[in-house]
Structures are given as C-alpha cells and as structure tokens.
Amino acid sequence: FGGEQKSLGDEFNPESLEVRRCQSIASGEAAFLAAGWATGHEADALRTAAAALHSAWWLWLEDTDDAMTCVRGVLEQTCRARAHRVKPARAARIEDIGPAASTARWLETAGWKRLAVLGRALGEFAHISFRARWRGARDALAALQADDIPHPNSTARRHALEASAYLLAHEVAARFDAACPAVGATFRARVTQLGADEHERQVEELLQRSLKLRSAEFGQPDLSPLPASAPVG
C-alpha cells in the first residue's frame, strides 16, 4: 500500500479493493448458482470458472504472476460455458476431444475469437518452461487496457483479472435474464453495476482492443538453460 500510495498520489484509493472483492466473490457465487440450472459439461465449466475466479483473486492480492494462471482458467471455462449456451452442438463435439481442447478453440466457439491475444498472454503464465515469455505477455496485458489508463504497467494483471471476471458475469447475467429476469436485474444492479446494454458495450470494447493486438509478439523467452558444466580433468 505504501508503494502504491507513493506512485498513485491522489488516485490512491484502498477502499476500492472492497468493491472489487465483493464483485469477485458475488460473481463466483452467482456462477455456482447458474451451474445448478445447467447439466453436464456446461455445469462443470461454470463451476470451474467460479473456482478459478476465487483463486485468481487471492493470488492477485499476493501480487504474483501465479494469479494469471487462474485467470486463464476463468477465461477458458467462461468461453466453454458460453459455447454450450450459444453453440451446443459444436461445444459437444469439442468436448469429445477431451483435455486436448485448447483455450483458442473455446474462444472461437464462444464467438470471442478476437480475445486470442488475451488467451495467448495468459497462457504464457500457465507453464514454467524455457519457452515462457513472461515479459512480452505482461506487455500485451498492459497494452490491452483502455488508452486513458494512467499507469498501465501497474494495472495490467488487475485488468486481466477484472476483464475475465466481467466476461463470466456477462455469461451468468445472460443465464439469469433467461431463467428469472428479476434475479438478472438484481445481479446487474447489485454486482456488475452495469445495465445489459452497457455490459455488452464494454465487452465489445475489450474485443476490439484485443483485435488490434492480434499480431502482438511476445519476444524472446525469459529463461535459458544453464550452461553445460566444463569437462572434468
């Protein structure tokens, strides 16, 4: 907090954490509730996205890149759940692939293929290998934010978390609207604090910003193998 206060000055507002915490918890619990109205793989996707969101939030509080691994889970499973809602036949065929089904495939089937760069960037944090390009991925996450963000490098991970959480909330709200409009209206008023049209607009803006970065390269790997030991004798 001390470092953030010094960096942000008058913009420093620790109370905003409470708002984000409540929105994250409520979105996850709502996804668990929506899963109870679904079945099979669709219900599994909603529950997994909710669990990933809870973990991502706590890891983000620890200021670690490990949070981005869980954010990737939120994004992928949200797209998986959405695919079952909007293209059930195609989603069923992808399920037949099993664990080999990629995040990119779920993004495309969900109709959010434009988010490919977000999926790729989060994927860089999902594994520890000599091919990992964490710095380039972090730069892409920073560039994915709106142009008027004052400290994009400092808020890149937060934006990735919140963007994925809002995509999950968007999917949950759509299900609530269909099953019980009163619940959907309450969820939007108390949790997302966005009307349906405004939520759609923000999702579309995210999709467009991501599309502009579709050709982003992450550069060289951050790690390299240790040199072989010199021969003895």
Protein backbone atom coordinates (compact mmCIF):
# COMPACT_ATOMS: atom_id res chain seq x y z
CA PHE A 1 0.00 0.00 0.00
CA GLY A 2 2.83 2.37 0.79
CA GLY A 3 4.37 1.89 -2.62
CA GLU A 4 1.03 2.34 -4.36
CA GLN A 5 0.25 5.48 -2.39
CA LYS A 6 3.58 7.00 -3.37
CA SER A 7 3.09 6.03 -7.02
CA LEU A 8 -0.58 6.98 -7.40
CA GLY A 9 -0.75 10.06 -5.21
CA ASP A 10 -4.29 11.45 -5.07
CA GLU A 11 -5.55 8.50 -7.11
CA PHE A 12 -4.71 6.08 -4.30
CA ASN A 13 -7.95 4.55 -3.01
CA PRO A 14 -7.55 1.32 -0.98
CA GLU A 15 -11.31 1.21 -0.35
CA SER A 16 -11.79 0.24 -3.99
CA LEU A 17 -10.38 -3.17 -3.04
CA GLU A 18 -13.51 -3.84 -1.02
CA VAL A 19 -15.70 -3.18 -4.06
CA ARG A 20 -13.60 -5.47 -6.25
CA ARG A 21 -13.59 -8.16 -3.58
CA CYS A 22 -17.37 -8.12 -3.27
CA GLN A 23 -17.86 -8.17 -7.05
CA SER A 24 -15.44 -11.07 -7.46
CA ILE A 25 -16.98 -13.17 -4.70
CA ALA A 26 -20.53 -12.43 -5.83
CA SER A 27 -19.75 -13.22 -9.48
CA GLY A 28 -18.22 -16.54 -8.48
CA GLU A 29 -21.14 -17.46 -6.22
CA ALA A 30 -23.58 -16.47 -8.96
CA ALA A 31 -21.73 -18.74 -11.40
CA PHE A 32 -22.06 -21.61 -8.92
CA LEU A 33 -25.80 -20.86 -8.73
CA ALA A 34 -26.14 -20.76 -12.52
CA ALA A 35 -24.33 -24.11 -12.68
CA GLY A 36 -27.16 -25.60 -10.65
CA TRP A 37 -29.51 -24.77 -13.51
CA ALA A 38 -27.22 -26.42 -16.08
CA THR A 39 -26.08 -30.01 -16.57
CA GLY A 40 -23.05 -32.00 -17.67
CA HIS A 41 -20.05 -30.23 -19.20
CA GLU A 42 -21.85 -26.89 -19.15
CA ALA A 43 -22.33 -27.04 -15.38
CA ASP A 44 -18.74 -28.21 -14.93
CA ALA A 45 -17.47 -25.21 -16.89
CA LEU A 46 -19.41 -22.72 -14.77
CA ARG A 47 -18.24 -24.29 -11.51
CA THR A 48 -14.63 -24.44 -12.70
CA ALA A 49 -14.72 -20.80 -13.83
CA ALA A 50 -16.12 -19.78 -10.44
CA ALA A 51 -13.45 -21.71 -8.53
CA ALA A 52 -10.72 -20.27 -10.75
CA LEU A 53 -12.01 -16.76 -10.09
CA HIS A 54 -11.88 -17.24 -6.32
CA SER A 55 -8.28 -18.49 -6.56
CA ALA A 56 -7.25 -15.77 -9.02
CA TRP A 57 -8.49 -13.05 -6.70
CA TRP A 58 -6.50 -14.25 -3.68
CA LEU A 59 -3.34 -14.81 -5.71
CA TRP A 60 -3.71 -11.34 -7.23
CA LEU A 61 -3.78 -9.90 -3.71
CA GLU A 62 -0.40 -11.56 -3.17
CA ASP A 63 0.94 -9.58 -6.16
CA THR A 64 2.14 -12.65 -8.02
CA ASP A 65 2.04 -13.70 -11.67
CA ASP A 66 0.64 -17.02 -10.46
CA ALA A 67 -2.75 -15.30 -10.43
CA MET A 68 -2.67 -15.16 -14.23
CA THR A 69 -2.71 -18.96 -14.44
CA CYS A 70 -6.06 -18.93 -12.63
CA VAL A 71 -7.30 -16.01 -14.74
CA ARG A 72 -6.63 -18.15 -17.79
CA GLY A 73 -8.88 -20.76 -16.21
CA VAL A 74 -11.62 -18.16 -15.73
CA LEU A 75 -11.38 -17.10 -19.37
CA GLU A 76 -11.25 -20.58 -20.83
CA GLN A 77 -14.07 -22.04 -18.73
CA THR A 78 -16.27 -18.99 -19.26
CA CYS A 79 -15.88 -19.45 -23.01
CA ARG A 80 -16.57 -23.15 -22.60
CA ALA A 81 -19.80 -22.42 -20.72
CA ARG A 82 -20.81 -19.78 -23.26
CA ALA A 83 -20.12 -22.17 -26.13
CA HIS A 84 -22.53 -24.68 -24.64
CA ARG A 85 -25.16 -21.95 -24.41
CA VAL A 86 -24.81 -20.40 -27.88
CA LYS A 87 -23.46 -23.33 -29.95
CA PRO A 88 -24.33 -26.51 -28.02
CA ALA A 89 -23.80 -28.98 -30.87
CA ARG A 90 -20.34 -27.66 -31.69
CA ALA A 91 -19.43 -27.47 -27.99
CA ALA A 92 -20.38 -31.12 -27.59
CA ARG A 93 -18.05 -32.08 -30.43
CA ILE A 94 -15.18 -30.17 -28.78
CA GLU A 95 -15.84 -31.97 -25.50
CA ASP A 96 -15.20 -35.23 -27.36
CA ILE A 97 -11.61 -34.06 -27.91
CA GLY A 98 -11.05 -34.18 -24.16
CA PRO A 99 -8.12 -32.39 -22.49
CA ALA A 100 -6.62 -31.58 -25.89
CA ALA A 101 -9.32 -28.94 -26.46
CA SER A 102 -7.45 -25.63 -26.43
CA THR A 103 -8.35 -22.25 -24.99
CA ALA A 104 -8.26 -20.85 -28.53
CA ARG A 105 -10.86 -23.36 -29.67
CA TRP A 106 -13.23 -22.40 -26.85
CA LEU A 107 -12.70 -18.70 -27.55
CA GLU A 108 -13.64 -19.20 -31.18
CA THR A 109 -16.69 -21.34 -30.43
CA ALA A 110 -17.91 -18.82 -27.88
CA GLY A 111 -17.77 -16.10 -30.53
CA TRP A 112 -14.92 -14.30 -28.78
CA LYS A 113 -12.09 -15.23 -31.12
CA ARG A 114 -10.96 -11.60 -31.05
CA LEU A 115 -9.70 -12.23 -27.50
CA ALA A 116 -6.99 -14.52 -28.84
CA VAL A 117 -4.14 -12.28 -27.67
CA LEU A 118 -5.54 -12.30 -24.12
CA GLY A 119 -5.68 -16.08 -24.20
CA ARG A 120 -2.13 -16.31 -25.55
CA ALA A 121 -0.76 -13.86 -22.98
CA LEU A 122 -2.38 -15.67 -20.07
CA GLY A 123 -1.15 -18.95 -21.49
CA GLU A 124 2.45 -17.79 -21.15
CA PHE A 125 1.97 -17.73 -17.36
CA ALA A 126 0.35 -21.16 -17.23
CA HIS A 127 3.58 -23.16 -17.54
CA ILE A 128 7.16 -22.97 -16.33
CA SER A 129 9.40 -23.77 -19.26
CA PHE A 130 12.36 -22.42 -21.16
CA ARG A 131 9.91 -21.15 -23.79
CA ALA A 132 7.97 -18.90 -21.38
CA ARG A 133 7.83 -15.24 -22.47
CA TRP A 134 6.51 -13.55 -19.36
CA ARG A 135 7.75 -10.03 -20.04
CA GLY A 136 6.24 -9.94 -23.51
CA ALA A 137 2.97 -11.37 -22.22
CA ARG A 138 2.86 -8.77 -19.46
CA ASP A 139 3.43 -6.01 -22.02
CA ALA A 140 0.49 -7.34 -24.04
CA LEU A 141 -1.74 -7.33 -20.96
CA ALA A 142 -0.74 -3.72 -20.30
CA ALA A 143 -1.48 -2.72 -23.91
CA LEU A 144 -4.89 -4.39 -23.76
CA GLN A 145 -6.21 -1.71 -21.41
CA ALA A 146 -8.05 1.43 -22.48
CA ASP A 147 -5.90 4.30 -23.72
CA ASP A 148 -6.71 6.58 -20.77
CA ILE A 149 -5.32 4.26 -18.07
CA PRO A 150 -2.69 6.34 -16.23
CA HIS A 151 -0.39 3.52 -15.04
CA PRO A 152 -0.94 0.62 -17.48
CA ASN A 153 2.10 -1.39 -16.41
CA SER A 154 0.95 -1.32 -12.79
CA THR A 155 -2.61 -2.39 -13.53
CA ALA A 156 -2.10 -4.97 -16.30
CA ARG A 157 -2.75 -8.02 -14.12
CA ARG A 158 -5.70 -6.38 -12.39
CA HIS A 159 -7.28 -5.56 -15.72
CA ALA A 160 -6.82 -9.13 -16.98
CA LEU A 161 -8.49 -10.42 -13.81
CA GLU A 162 -11.36 -7.95 -13.94
CA ALA A 163 -11.91 -8.37 -17.68
CA SER A 164 -12.19 -12.14 -17.32
CA ALA A 165 -14.43 -11.77 -14.26
CA TYR A 166 -16.73 -9.44 -16.19
CA LEU A 167 -16.92 -11.92 -19.05
CA LEU A 168 -18.01 -14.57 -16.55
CA ALA A 169 -20.51 -12.12 -15.03
CA HIS A 170 -21.80 -11.39 -18.54
CA GLU A 171 -22.40 -15.08 -19.12
CA VAL A 172 -24.06 -15.51 -15.72
CA ALA A 173 -26.29 -12.46 -16.23
CA ALA A 174 -27.45 -13.76 -19.60
CA ARG A 175 -28.49 -17.01 -17.95
CA PHE A 176 -30.27 -15.20 -15.13
CA ASP A 177 -32.10 -12.99 -17.62
CA ALA A 178 -33.42 -16.07 -19.39
CA ALA A 179 -34.28 -18.11 -16.30
CA CYS A 180 -35.57 -15.38 -13.97
CA PRO A 181 -35.45 -11.75 -15.17
CA ALA A 182 -35.87 -10.41 -11.63
CA VAL A 183 -32.72 -12.22 -10.50
CA GLY A 184 -30.87 -10.98 -13.59
CA ALA A 185 -31.90 -7.39 -12.90
CA THR A 186 -30.81 -7.65 -9.25
CA PHE A 187 -27.48 -9.22 -10.20
CA ARG A 188 -26.77 -6.41 -12.64
CA ALA A 189 -27.82 -3.70 -10.18
CA ARG A 190 -26.00 -5.03 -7.13
CA VAL A 191 -22.97 -6.86 -8.56
CA THR A 192 -21.89 -5.76 -12.04
CA GLN A 193 -23.49 -2.32 -11.61
CA LEU A 194 -23.94 -2.33 -15.38
CA GLY A 195 -27.09 -2.46 -17.44
CA ALA A 196 -27.29 -5.11 -20.15
CA ASP A 197 -26.51 -2.65 -22.96
CA GLU A 198 -23.56 -1.11 -21.11
CA HIS A 199 -22.17 -4.55 -20.26
CA GLU A 200 -22.38 -5.55 -23.92
CA ARG A 201 -20.66 -2.31 -24.91
CA GLN A 202 -17.78 -2.89 -22.53
CA VAL A 203 -17.33 -6.46 -23.74
CA GLU A 204 -17.30 -5.22 -27.33
CA GLU A 205 -14.68 -2.59 -26.48
CA LEU A 206 -12.50 -5.29 -24.92
CA LEU A 207 -12.91 -7.43 -28.03
CA GLN A 208 -11.92 -4.55 -30.28
CA ARG A 209 -8.84 -3.62 -28.23
CA SER A 210 -7.76 -7.24 -28.26
CA LEU A 211 -8.29 -7.47 -32.02
CA LYS A 212 -5.91 -4.54 -32.56
CA LEU A 213 -3.21 -6.56 -30.76
CA ARG A 214 -3.83 -9.77 -32.70
CA SER A 215 -0.37 -9.69 -34.25
CA ALA A 216 1.45 -8.97 -30.99
CA GLU A 217 4.66 -10.90 -30.49
CA PHE A 218 5.95 -11.69 -27.03
CA GLY A 219 9.64 -11.66 -27.91
CA GLN A 220 12.31 -13.99 -26.62
CA PRO A 221 11.90 -16.41 -23.71
CA ASP A 222 12.75 -15.10 -20.26
CA LEU A 223 14.61 -18.23 -19.18
CA SER A 224 17.56 -20.07 -20.69
CA PRO A 225 19.15 -23.40 -19.79
CA LEU A 226 22.19 -23.37 -17.56
CA PRO A 227 25.44 -23.83 -19.50
CA ALA A 228 26.80 -27.35 -19.55
CA SER A 229 29.46 -28.00 -16.94
CA ALA A 230 33.03 -27.94 -18.18
CA PRO A 231 34.54 -31.41 -18.57
CA VAL A 232 36.50 -32.59 -15.53
CA GLY A 233 40.14 -33.50 -15.98
